[in-house]
N, C-alpha and C. Protein backbone atom coordinates (compact mmCIF):
# COMPACT_ATOMS: atom_id res chain seq x y z
N MET A 1 -11.43 -39.87 9.37
CA MET A 1 -11.35 -39.35 8.00
C MET A 1 -9.91 -38.88 7.74
N HIS A 2 -9.36 -39.28 6.63
CA HIS A 2 -7.99 -38.91 6.28
C HIS A 2 -8.01 -37.79 5.25
N ILE A 3 -7.43 -36.66 5.60
CA ILE A 3 -7.34 -35.53 4.68
C ILE A 3 -6.05 -35.69 3.88
N SER A 4 -6.17 -35.77 2.57
CA SER A 4 -4.96 -35.91 1.76
C SER A 4 -4.64 -34.64 0.98
N LYS A 5 -5.61 -33.73 0.87
CA LYS A 5 -5.37 -32.47 0.17
C LYS A 5 -5.88 -31.32 1.03
N LEU A 6 -5.03 -30.31 1.20
CA LEU A 6 -5.41 -29.15 1.98
C LEU A 6 -5.55 -27.93 1.08
N LYS A 7 -6.62 -27.17 1.30
CA LYS A 7 -6.80 -25.89 0.61
C LYS A 7 -6.35 -24.80 1.57
N ILE A 8 -5.24 -24.16 1.21
CA ILE A 8 -4.64 -23.11 2.03
C ILE A 8 -4.64 -21.81 1.22
N LEU A 9 -5.18 -20.75 1.80
CA LEU A 9 -5.15 -19.44 1.14
C LEU A 9 -3.94 -18.66 1.64
N ILE A 10 -3.30 -17.96 0.72
CA ILE A 10 -2.24 -17.02 1.10
C ILE A 10 -2.74 -15.65 0.64
N ILE A 11 -3.06 -14.80 1.63
CA ILE A 11 -3.71 -13.53 1.35
C ILE A 11 -3.05 -12.41 2.15
N GLY A 12 -3.28 -11.20 1.70
CA GLY A 12 -2.75 -10.02 2.38
C GLY A 12 -2.78 -8.84 1.44
N PRO A 13 -2.29 -7.71 1.91
CA PRO A 13 -2.28 -6.50 1.07
C PRO A 13 -1.46 -6.71 -0.21
N SER A 14 -1.76 -5.91 -1.22
CA SER A 14 -0.98 -5.93 -2.46
C SER A 14 0.48 -5.63 -2.16
N ASN A 15 1.36 -6.18 -2.95
CA ASN A 15 2.81 -5.95 -2.85
C ASN A 15 3.43 -6.40 -1.54
N SER A 16 2.86 -7.45 -0.92
CA SER A 16 3.45 -7.94 0.33
C SER A 16 4.31 -9.17 0.12
N GLY A 17 4.34 -9.71 -1.11
CA GLY A 17 5.22 -10.83 -1.41
C GLY A 17 4.57 -12.20 -1.37
N LYS A 18 3.24 -12.23 -1.47
CA LYS A 18 2.51 -13.50 -1.40
C LYS A 18 2.95 -14.47 -2.49
N THR A 19 3.06 -13.99 -3.73
CA THR A 19 3.43 -14.85 -4.85
C THR A 19 4.84 -15.39 -4.70
N SER A 20 5.76 -14.55 -4.24
CA SER A 20 7.14 -15.02 -4.02
C SER A 20 7.17 -16.13 -2.98
N ILE A 21 6.41 -15.97 -1.91
CA ILE A 21 6.35 -16.99 -0.87
C ILE A 21 5.73 -18.27 -1.43
N ALA A 22 4.63 -18.14 -2.16
CA ALA A 22 3.97 -19.32 -2.76
C ALA A 22 4.91 -20.04 -3.71
N ASN A 23 5.63 -19.29 -4.53
CA ASN A 23 6.59 -19.88 -5.46
C ASN A 23 7.71 -20.59 -4.71
N PHE A 24 8.19 -19.98 -3.66
CA PHE A 24 9.28 -20.58 -2.89
C PHE A 24 8.83 -21.88 -2.23
N LEU A 25 7.67 -21.84 -1.57
CA LEU A 25 7.19 -23.04 -0.88
C LEU A 25 6.91 -24.19 -1.83
N SER A 26 6.44 -23.87 -3.03
CA SER A 26 6.12 -24.91 -4.01
C SER A 26 7.32 -25.26 -4.89
N GLU A 27 8.45 -24.59 -4.61
CA GLU A 27 9.68 -24.80 -5.36
C GLU A 27 9.50 -24.53 -6.85
N SER A 28 8.73 -23.49 -7.15
CA SER A 28 8.52 -23.10 -8.55
C SER A 28 8.99 -21.68 -8.80
N ILE A 29 10.07 -21.29 -8.14
CA ILE A 29 10.60 -19.93 -8.29
C ILE A 29 11.25 -19.77 -9.65
N ASN A 30 10.88 -18.69 -10.29
CA ASN A 30 11.52 -18.27 -11.52
C ASN A 30 12.24 -16.97 -11.18
N ILE A 31 13.55 -16.95 -11.32
CA ILE A 31 14.35 -15.80 -10.88
C ILE A 31 13.87 -14.50 -11.52
N GLU A 32 13.56 -14.52 -12.82
CA GLU A 32 13.11 -13.29 -13.48
C GLU A 32 11.82 -12.78 -12.86
N GLU A 33 10.88 -13.69 -12.57
CA GLU A 33 9.61 -13.27 -11.98
C GLU A 33 9.82 -12.73 -10.57
N ALA A 34 10.75 -13.34 -9.85
CA ALA A 34 11.00 -12.90 -8.48
C ALA A 34 11.52 -11.47 -8.45
N GLU A 35 12.25 -11.06 -9.50
CA GLU A 35 12.82 -9.72 -9.51
C GLU A 35 11.85 -8.66 -10.02
N THR A 36 10.88 -9.04 -10.83
CA THR A 36 9.91 -8.08 -11.33
C THR A 36 8.51 -8.55 -10.93
N PRO A 37 8.06 -8.15 -9.75
CA PRO A 37 6.74 -8.59 -9.28
C PRO A 37 5.62 -8.09 -10.18
N ARG A 38 4.65 -8.96 -10.40
CA ARG A 38 3.45 -8.61 -11.15
C ARG A 38 2.26 -8.91 -10.26
N PRO A 39 1.30 -8.00 -10.19
CA PRO A 39 0.13 -8.25 -9.36
C PRO A 39 -0.64 -9.49 -9.83
N THR A 40 -1.04 -10.32 -8.87
CA THR A 40 -1.85 -11.49 -9.18
C THR A 40 -3.24 -11.02 -9.58
N GLN A 41 -3.75 -11.58 -10.65
CA GLN A 41 -5.10 -11.24 -11.11
C GLN A 41 -6.08 -12.24 -10.54
N GLY A 42 -6.77 -11.86 -9.48
CA GLY A 42 -7.75 -12.75 -8.85
C GLY A 42 -7.07 -13.77 -7.95
N VAL A 43 -6.80 -14.94 -8.52
CA VAL A 43 -6.17 -16.00 -7.74
C VAL A 43 -5.33 -16.88 -8.66
N ARG A 44 -4.31 -17.47 -8.09
CA ARG A 44 -3.45 -18.41 -8.81
C ARG A 44 -3.27 -19.60 -7.87
N ILE A 45 -3.55 -20.79 -8.34
CA ILE A 45 -3.47 -21.98 -7.49
C ILE A 45 -2.18 -22.74 -7.81
N VAL A 46 -1.39 -22.98 -6.77
CA VAL A 46 -0.15 -23.73 -6.90
C VAL A 46 -0.33 -25.03 -6.12
N GLU A 47 -0.08 -26.16 -6.77
CA GLU A 47 -0.22 -27.45 -6.11
C GLU A 47 1.14 -28.11 -5.95
N PHE A 48 1.37 -28.68 -4.77
CA PHE A 48 2.61 -29.40 -4.50
C PHE A 48 2.39 -30.35 -3.33
N GLU A 49 3.36 -31.24 -3.13
CA GLU A 49 3.25 -32.21 -2.04
C GLU A 49 4.25 -31.88 -0.95
N LEU A 50 3.79 -32.00 0.27
CA LEU A 50 4.65 -31.89 1.44
C LEU A 50 4.85 -33.31 1.94
N SER A 51 6.07 -33.82 1.81
CA SER A 51 6.37 -35.22 2.12
C SER A 51 6.86 -35.38 3.56
N ASN A 52 6.55 -36.54 4.11
CA ASN A 52 7.05 -36.94 5.43
C ASN A 52 6.76 -35.92 6.52
N LEU A 53 5.54 -35.38 6.51
CA LEU A 53 5.14 -34.43 7.54
C LEU A 53 4.66 -35.21 8.76
N SER A 54 5.24 -34.92 9.91
CA SER A 54 4.87 -35.62 11.13
C SER A 54 3.67 -34.93 11.77
N VAL A 55 2.56 -35.67 11.87
CA VAL A 55 1.35 -35.18 12.53
C VAL A 55 0.94 -36.23 13.55
N ASN A 56 0.92 -35.83 14.81
CA ASN A 56 0.58 -36.74 15.90
C ASN A 56 1.44 -38.00 15.87
N GLY A 57 2.74 -37.83 15.57
CA GLY A 57 3.66 -38.94 15.58
C GLY A 57 3.63 -39.84 14.36
N LYS A 58 2.79 -39.51 13.38
CA LYS A 58 2.71 -40.32 12.16
C LYS A 58 3.20 -39.51 10.97
N SER A 59 3.93 -40.18 10.08
CA SER A 59 4.43 -39.52 8.87
C SER A 59 3.34 -39.49 7.81
N ASN A 60 3.15 -38.32 7.20
CA ASN A 60 2.11 -38.13 6.19
C ASN A 60 2.68 -37.44 4.96
N ASN A 61 2.11 -37.74 3.81
CA ASN A 61 2.35 -36.97 2.59
C ASN A 61 1.08 -36.18 2.34
N ILE A 62 1.19 -34.87 2.29
CA ILE A 62 0.03 -34.00 2.17
C ILE A 62 0.10 -33.23 0.85
N ASP A 63 -0.97 -33.32 0.07
CA ASP A 63 -1.07 -32.50 -1.15
C ASP A 63 -1.59 -31.13 -0.73
N ILE A 64 -0.87 -30.11 -1.13
CA ILE A 64 -1.23 -28.73 -0.79
C ILE A 64 -1.76 -28.03 -2.04
N GLU A 65 -2.92 -27.40 -1.89
CA GLU A 65 -3.45 -26.47 -2.89
C GLU A 65 -3.26 -25.10 -2.27
N LEU A 66 -2.25 -24.38 -2.71
CA LEU A 66 -1.96 -23.06 -2.16
C LEU A 66 -2.59 -22.02 -3.07
N TRP A 67 -3.62 -21.36 -2.59
CA TRP A 67 -4.36 -20.37 -3.36
C TRP A 67 -3.72 -19.00 -3.12
N ASP A 68 -2.94 -18.54 -4.08
CA ASP A 68 -2.25 -17.26 -4.02
C ASP A 68 -3.25 -16.19 -4.47
N CYS A 69 -3.79 -15.45 -3.50
CA CYS A 69 -4.91 -14.53 -3.76
C CYS A 69 -4.42 -13.09 -3.92
N SER A 70 -5.01 -12.39 -4.85
CA SER A 70 -4.69 -10.99 -5.07
C SER A 70 -5.07 -10.16 -3.84
N GLY A 71 -4.26 -9.15 -3.56
CA GLY A 71 -4.58 -8.23 -2.48
C GLY A 71 -5.42 -7.06 -2.95
N ASP A 72 -5.77 -7.04 -4.22
CA ASP A 72 -6.54 -5.95 -4.81
C ASP A 72 -8.03 -6.14 -4.51
N HIS A 73 -8.64 -5.13 -3.90
CA HIS A 73 -10.05 -5.25 -3.50
C HIS A 73 -11.02 -5.29 -4.68
N ARG A 74 -10.55 -5.03 -5.89
CA ARG A 74 -11.47 -5.13 -7.02
C ARG A 74 -11.86 -6.59 -7.28
N PHE A 75 -11.16 -7.54 -6.64
CA PHE A 75 -11.50 -8.96 -6.76
C PHE A 75 -12.33 -9.46 -5.58
N GLU A 76 -12.83 -8.54 -4.78
CA GLU A 76 -13.60 -8.90 -3.60
C GLU A 76 -14.83 -9.74 -3.92
N SER A 77 -15.39 -9.58 -5.10
CA SER A 77 -16.56 -10.38 -5.48
C SER A 77 -16.22 -11.87 -5.59
N CYS A 78 -14.93 -12.19 -5.68
CA CYS A 78 -14.48 -13.59 -5.74
C CYS A 78 -14.29 -14.20 -4.35
N TRP A 79 -14.29 -13.39 -3.31
CA TRP A 79 -13.98 -13.87 -1.97
C TRP A 79 -14.81 -15.06 -1.53
N PRO A 80 -16.15 -15.08 -1.77
CA PRO A 80 -16.91 -16.26 -1.33
C PRO A 80 -16.40 -17.56 -1.96
N ALA A 81 -16.02 -17.53 -3.22
CA ALA A 81 -15.49 -18.73 -3.88
C ALA A 81 -14.13 -19.12 -3.31
N LEU A 82 -13.31 -18.13 -2.99
CA LEU A 82 -12.00 -18.42 -2.40
C LEU A 82 -12.15 -19.07 -1.03
N ARG A 83 -13.11 -18.60 -0.27
CA ARG A 83 -13.30 -19.07 1.10
C ARG A 83 -13.93 -20.46 1.17
N ALA A 84 -14.67 -20.86 0.15
CA ALA A 84 -15.37 -22.15 0.17
C ALA A 84 -14.38 -23.30 0.36
N GLY A 85 -14.57 -24.07 1.41
CA GLY A 85 -13.74 -25.24 1.65
C GLY A 85 -12.34 -24.96 2.16
N VAL A 86 -12.07 -23.73 2.57
CA VAL A 86 -10.72 -23.38 3.04
C VAL A 86 -10.42 -24.11 4.36
N GLN A 87 -9.19 -24.58 4.47
CA GLN A 87 -8.78 -25.30 5.68
C GLN A 87 -7.65 -24.59 6.42
N GLY A 88 -7.05 -23.59 5.78
CA GLY A 88 -6.00 -22.84 6.42
C GLY A 88 -5.79 -21.50 5.72
N VAL A 89 -5.31 -20.52 6.47
CA VAL A 89 -5.10 -19.18 5.93
C VAL A 89 -3.73 -18.66 6.38
N ILE A 90 -2.95 -18.22 5.38
CA ILE A 90 -1.68 -17.56 5.65
C ILE A 90 -1.87 -16.09 5.31
N LEU A 91 -1.76 -15.24 6.31
CA LEU A 91 -1.84 -13.80 6.10
C LEU A 91 -0.43 -13.27 5.95
N VAL A 92 -0.20 -12.46 4.92
CA VAL A 92 1.14 -11.94 4.64
C VAL A 92 1.11 -10.43 4.62
N CYS A 93 2.11 -9.83 5.26
CA CYS A 93 2.32 -8.40 5.10
C CYS A 93 3.83 -8.17 5.07
N ALA A 94 4.22 -7.01 4.61
CA ALA A 94 5.64 -6.67 4.46
C ALA A 94 5.89 -5.31 5.09
N PRO A 95 7.16 -4.98 5.34
CA PRO A 95 7.47 -3.66 5.92
C PRO A 95 6.89 -2.52 5.10
N THR A 96 6.86 -2.68 3.78
CA THR A 96 6.32 -1.62 2.93
C THR A 96 4.81 -1.49 3.06
N THR A 97 4.14 -2.54 3.54
CA THR A 97 2.68 -2.50 3.67
C THR A 97 2.23 -2.56 5.12
N ALA A 98 3.18 -2.64 6.06
CA ALA A 98 2.83 -2.88 7.46
C ALA A 98 1.93 -1.79 8.06
N HIS A 99 2.18 -0.54 7.70
CA HIS A 99 1.38 0.54 8.28
C HIS A 99 -0.11 0.38 7.94
N ALA A 100 -0.40 0.11 6.68
CA ALA A 100 -1.78 -0.07 6.25
C ALA A 100 -2.28 -1.48 6.52
N ALA A 101 -1.38 -2.40 6.82
CA ALA A 101 -1.74 -3.81 6.90
C ALA A 101 -2.57 -4.18 8.11
N THR A 102 -2.42 -3.49 9.22
CA THR A 102 -3.08 -3.96 10.43
C THR A 102 -4.60 -4.01 10.27
N ARG A 103 -5.19 -2.98 9.72
CA ARG A 103 -6.64 -2.98 9.49
C ARG A 103 -7.03 -3.99 8.42
N GLU A 104 -6.23 -4.06 7.38
CA GLU A 104 -6.48 -5.00 6.29
C GLU A 104 -6.42 -6.45 6.78
N LEU A 105 -5.42 -6.77 7.59
CA LEU A 105 -5.29 -8.13 8.12
C LEU A 105 -6.47 -8.48 9.02
N GLU A 106 -6.94 -7.51 9.78
CA GLU A 106 -8.12 -7.72 10.63
C GLU A 106 -9.35 -8.07 9.78
N LEU A 107 -9.55 -7.32 8.70
CA LEU A 107 -10.66 -7.57 7.78
C LEU A 107 -10.54 -8.98 7.17
N LEU A 108 -9.36 -9.32 6.68
CA LEU A 108 -9.15 -10.63 6.07
C LEU A 108 -9.32 -11.76 7.08
N TYR A 109 -8.80 -11.55 8.29
CA TYR A 109 -8.94 -12.56 9.35
C TYR A 109 -10.41 -12.81 9.65
N ASN A 110 -11.17 -11.73 9.79
CA ASN A 110 -12.59 -11.86 10.10
C ASN A 110 -13.31 -12.65 9.00
N TYR A 111 -13.03 -12.32 7.75
CA TYR A 111 -13.74 -12.94 6.63
C TYR A 111 -13.30 -14.39 6.38
N TYR A 112 -12.00 -14.63 6.40
CA TYR A 112 -11.48 -15.95 6.00
C TYR A 112 -11.22 -16.91 7.15
N VAL A 113 -11.12 -16.41 8.39
CA VAL A 113 -10.84 -17.30 9.51
C VAL A 113 -12.03 -17.34 10.48
N SER A 114 -12.47 -16.17 10.96
CA SER A 114 -13.55 -16.13 11.96
C SER A 114 -14.88 -16.61 11.40
N GLN A 115 -15.30 -16.05 10.27
CA GLN A 115 -16.62 -16.39 9.73
C GLN A 115 -16.75 -17.87 9.36
N PRO A 116 -15.75 -18.49 8.71
CA PRO A 116 -15.90 -19.93 8.45
C PRO A 116 -15.55 -20.80 9.66
N LYS A 117 -15.31 -20.15 10.82
CA LYS A 117 -15.06 -20.82 12.08
C LYS A 117 -13.82 -21.71 12.07
N LEU A 118 -12.74 -21.20 11.47
CA LEU A 118 -11.46 -21.88 11.57
C LEU A 118 -10.85 -21.53 12.93
N SER A 119 -10.01 -22.40 13.44
CA SER A 119 -9.35 -22.11 14.72
C SER A 119 -8.13 -21.20 14.46
N ALA A 120 -7.64 -20.58 15.51
CA ALA A 120 -6.45 -19.73 15.40
C ALA A 120 -5.26 -20.55 14.91
N LYS A 121 -5.24 -21.85 15.19
CA LYS A 121 -4.14 -22.72 14.75
C LYS A 121 -4.19 -22.98 13.24
N GLN A 122 -5.30 -22.64 12.60
CA GLN A 122 -5.42 -22.81 11.16
C GLN A 122 -5.02 -21.53 10.41
N CYS A 123 -4.47 -20.59 11.16
CA CYS A 123 -4.04 -19.31 10.57
C CYS A 123 -2.63 -19.01 11.06
N VAL A 124 -1.87 -18.32 10.20
CA VAL A 124 -0.54 -17.85 10.57
C VAL A 124 -0.33 -16.50 9.88
N VAL A 125 0.42 -15.62 10.52
CA VAL A 125 0.78 -14.35 9.91
C VAL A 125 2.27 -14.41 9.58
N PHE A 126 2.60 -14.20 8.32
CA PHE A 126 4.00 -14.11 7.88
C PHE A 126 4.32 -12.64 7.65
N TYR A 127 5.29 -12.14 8.41
CA TYR A 127 5.79 -10.78 8.21
C TYR A 127 6.98 -10.92 7.28
N ASN A 128 6.77 -10.58 6.01
CA ASN A 128 7.73 -10.83 4.94
C ASN A 128 8.82 -9.76 4.91
N CYS A 129 9.92 -10.06 5.60
CA CYS A 129 11.05 -9.14 5.66
C CYS A 129 11.91 -9.33 4.42
N THR A 130 12.20 -8.25 3.74
CA THR A 130 13.01 -8.35 2.52
C THR A 130 14.45 -7.95 2.76
N GLU A 131 14.69 -7.24 3.84
CA GLU A 131 16.05 -6.82 4.18
C GLU A 131 16.39 -7.36 5.55
N GLU A 132 17.67 -7.56 5.80
CA GLU A 132 18.10 -8.07 7.10
C GLU A 132 17.76 -7.12 8.25
N GLN A 133 17.72 -5.83 7.96
CA GLN A 133 17.49 -4.87 9.04
C GLN A 133 16.01 -4.57 9.29
N ASP A 134 15.10 -5.23 8.56
CA ASP A 134 13.66 -4.99 8.80
C ASP A 134 13.33 -5.22 10.27
N ASP A 135 12.60 -4.29 10.81
CA ASP A 135 12.25 -4.34 12.23
C ASP A 135 10.94 -5.10 12.40
N VAL A 136 11.02 -6.29 12.95
CA VAL A 136 9.84 -7.14 13.14
C VAL A 136 8.85 -6.49 14.10
N GLU A 137 9.36 -5.67 15.01
CA GLU A 137 8.49 -5.06 16.02
C GLU A 137 7.53 -4.03 15.43
N THR A 138 7.72 -3.63 14.18
CA THR A 138 6.86 -2.60 13.62
C THR A 138 5.45 -3.12 13.32
N LEU A 139 5.26 -4.41 13.33
CA LEU A 139 3.94 -4.97 13.08
C LEU A 139 3.24 -5.13 14.42
N ASN A 140 2.28 -4.26 14.66
CA ASN A 140 1.59 -4.26 15.94
C ASN A 140 0.14 -4.62 15.70
N LEU A 141 -0.17 -5.92 15.76
CA LEU A 141 -1.52 -6.38 15.46
C LEU A 141 -2.42 -6.30 16.67
N SER A 142 -3.72 -6.28 16.41
CA SER A 142 -4.72 -6.17 17.47
C SER A 142 -4.78 -7.45 18.29
N PRO A 143 -5.47 -7.41 19.43
CA PRO A 143 -5.63 -8.60 20.27
C PRO A 143 -6.32 -9.77 19.53
N THR A 144 -7.00 -9.48 18.42
CA THR A 144 -7.60 -10.54 17.61
C THR A 144 -6.57 -11.60 17.26
N PHE A 145 -5.32 -11.18 17.09
CA PHE A 145 -4.26 -12.08 16.65
C PHE A 145 -3.44 -12.67 17.80
N SER A 146 -3.92 -12.51 19.03
CA SER A 146 -3.13 -12.96 20.19
C SER A 146 -2.87 -14.46 20.18
N LYS A 147 -3.76 -15.26 19.59
CA LYS A 147 -3.57 -16.72 19.57
C LYS A 147 -3.06 -17.22 18.22
N VAL A 148 -2.79 -16.29 17.30
CA VAL A 148 -2.33 -16.65 15.96
C VAL A 148 -0.80 -16.55 15.91
N SER A 149 -0.14 -17.58 15.38
CA SER A 149 1.31 -17.52 15.22
C SER A 149 1.67 -16.38 14.29
N GLN A 150 2.68 -15.59 14.69
CA GLN A 150 3.17 -14.47 13.90
C GLN A 150 4.66 -14.67 13.71
N LEU A 151 5.07 -14.88 12.45
CA LEU A 151 6.45 -15.24 12.16
C LEU A 151 7.08 -14.28 11.18
N ALA A 152 8.28 -13.82 11.52
CA ALA A 152 9.06 -13.02 10.58
C ALA A 152 9.76 -14.00 9.63
N ILE A 153 9.63 -13.75 8.34
CA ILE A 153 10.28 -14.61 7.35
C ILE A 153 11.13 -13.76 6.43
N ASN A 154 12.14 -14.38 5.83
CA ASN A 154 13.00 -13.68 4.88
C ASN A 154 13.43 -14.69 3.83
N LEU A 155 12.92 -14.54 2.61
CA LEU A 155 13.23 -15.49 1.54
C LEU A 155 14.71 -15.48 1.16
N LYS A 156 15.35 -14.31 1.29
CA LYS A 156 16.76 -14.21 0.87
C LYS A 156 17.71 -14.85 1.87
N THR A 157 17.42 -14.72 3.16
CA THR A 157 18.37 -15.21 4.16
C THR A 157 17.83 -16.36 5.00
N GLY A 158 16.53 -16.61 4.96
CA GLY A 158 15.97 -17.63 5.85
C GLY A 158 15.00 -18.58 5.17
N GLY A 159 15.31 -18.96 3.93
CA GLY A 159 14.42 -19.84 3.19
C GLY A 159 14.19 -21.18 3.86
N ASN A 160 15.25 -21.77 4.40
CA ASN A 160 15.08 -23.07 5.08
C ASN A 160 14.20 -22.92 6.30
N ARG A 161 14.36 -21.82 7.03
CA ARG A 161 13.52 -21.55 8.20
C ARG A 161 12.05 -21.44 7.78
N LEU A 162 11.79 -20.79 6.64
CA LEU A 162 10.42 -20.65 6.15
C LEU A 162 9.81 -22.02 5.86
N LYS A 163 10.58 -22.91 5.25
CA LYS A 163 10.06 -24.25 4.95
C LYS A 163 9.71 -25.00 6.24
N ILE A 164 10.55 -24.85 7.26
CA ILE A 164 10.27 -25.49 8.55
C ILE A 164 9.02 -24.88 9.18
N ASP A 165 8.94 -23.53 9.17
CA ASP A 165 7.77 -22.84 9.73
C ASP A 165 6.50 -23.26 9.00
N PHE A 166 6.57 -23.36 7.67
CA PHE A 166 5.41 -23.76 6.88
C PHE A 166 5.00 -25.20 7.23
N SER A 167 5.96 -26.10 7.34
CA SER A 167 5.65 -27.49 7.70
C SER A 167 5.00 -27.56 9.07
N ASN A 168 5.52 -26.79 10.03
CA ASN A 168 4.92 -26.76 11.37
C ASN A 168 3.49 -26.22 11.31
N TYR A 169 3.28 -25.20 10.49
CA TYR A 169 1.94 -24.63 10.33
C TYR A 169 0.99 -25.68 9.73
N ILE A 170 1.42 -26.39 8.69
CA ILE A 170 0.56 -27.41 8.06
C ILE A 170 0.24 -28.52 9.06
N ALA A 171 1.22 -28.92 9.87
CA ALA A 171 0.97 -29.93 10.91
C ALA A 171 -0.09 -29.43 11.89
N SER A 172 -0.03 -28.14 12.24
CA SER A 172 -1.02 -27.54 13.13
C SER A 172 -2.41 -27.55 12.50
N VAL A 173 -2.49 -27.24 11.20
CA VAL A 173 -3.77 -27.29 10.48
C VAL A 173 -4.32 -28.72 10.50
N MET A 174 -3.45 -29.68 10.21
CA MET A 174 -3.89 -31.08 10.20
C MET A 174 -4.41 -31.52 11.56
N GLN A 175 -3.72 -31.13 12.63
CA GLN A 175 -4.17 -31.47 13.97
C GLN A 175 -5.52 -30.84 14.28
N SER A 176 -5.73 -29.60 13.85
CA SER A 176 -7.02 -28.93 14.08
C SER A 176 -8.14 -29.63 13.32
N ILE A 177 -7.86 -30.00 12.08
CA ILE A 177 -8.88 -30.66 11.25
C ILE A 177 -9.22 -32.03 11.83
N ASN A 178 -8.20 -32.80 12.18
CA ASN A 178 -8.42 -34.14 12.69
C ASN A 178 -9.13 -34.13 14.04
N LYS A 179 -8.93 -33.06 14.81
CA LYS A 179 -9.61 -32.91 16.09
C LYS A 179 -11.11 -32.66 15.86
N ASP A 180 -11.43 -31.93 14.79
CA ASP A 180 -12.82 -31.59 14.50
C ASP A 180 -13.59 -32.72 13.85
N VAL A 181 -12.90 -33.70 13.29
CA VAL A 181 -13.56 -34.77 12.54
C VAL A 181 -13.99 -35.88 13.46
């Protein structure tokens, strides 16, 4: 079975930079929006293509449906719809949310990764550093995340690195899906 479209959720606490990351990855950044963050209401779906992605030695073009999900718990009633058919989960937290994020990420991981029985390779944690001096070591996740990739990202100084990390993550998701089929 050939998967041509992936449903990837980008979730995490409010104000962690999920929308900025989604906009950057989909190349739909609007400078004004990037400077004045607005909370996502429920979910926002961004679609784009990842071209020439190497999976198991073969080049693929993958359509990505990136579901930019609100971190506000008042939208929790929407969670079952968000989770339906999910193939990958990007958990995001930032230095400003890191203290409260560990429990929140555990809750989100359990609901969106463990319960639908996704593999650890279908999940990644992005620690969204906004300043060069952000201390990556401040994110101390539970053993639940021991097999999950945890990457420090910085849109201002490491955008190209983020695109490479995202492509590697999508290749990992594709390998997990193809292994299960």
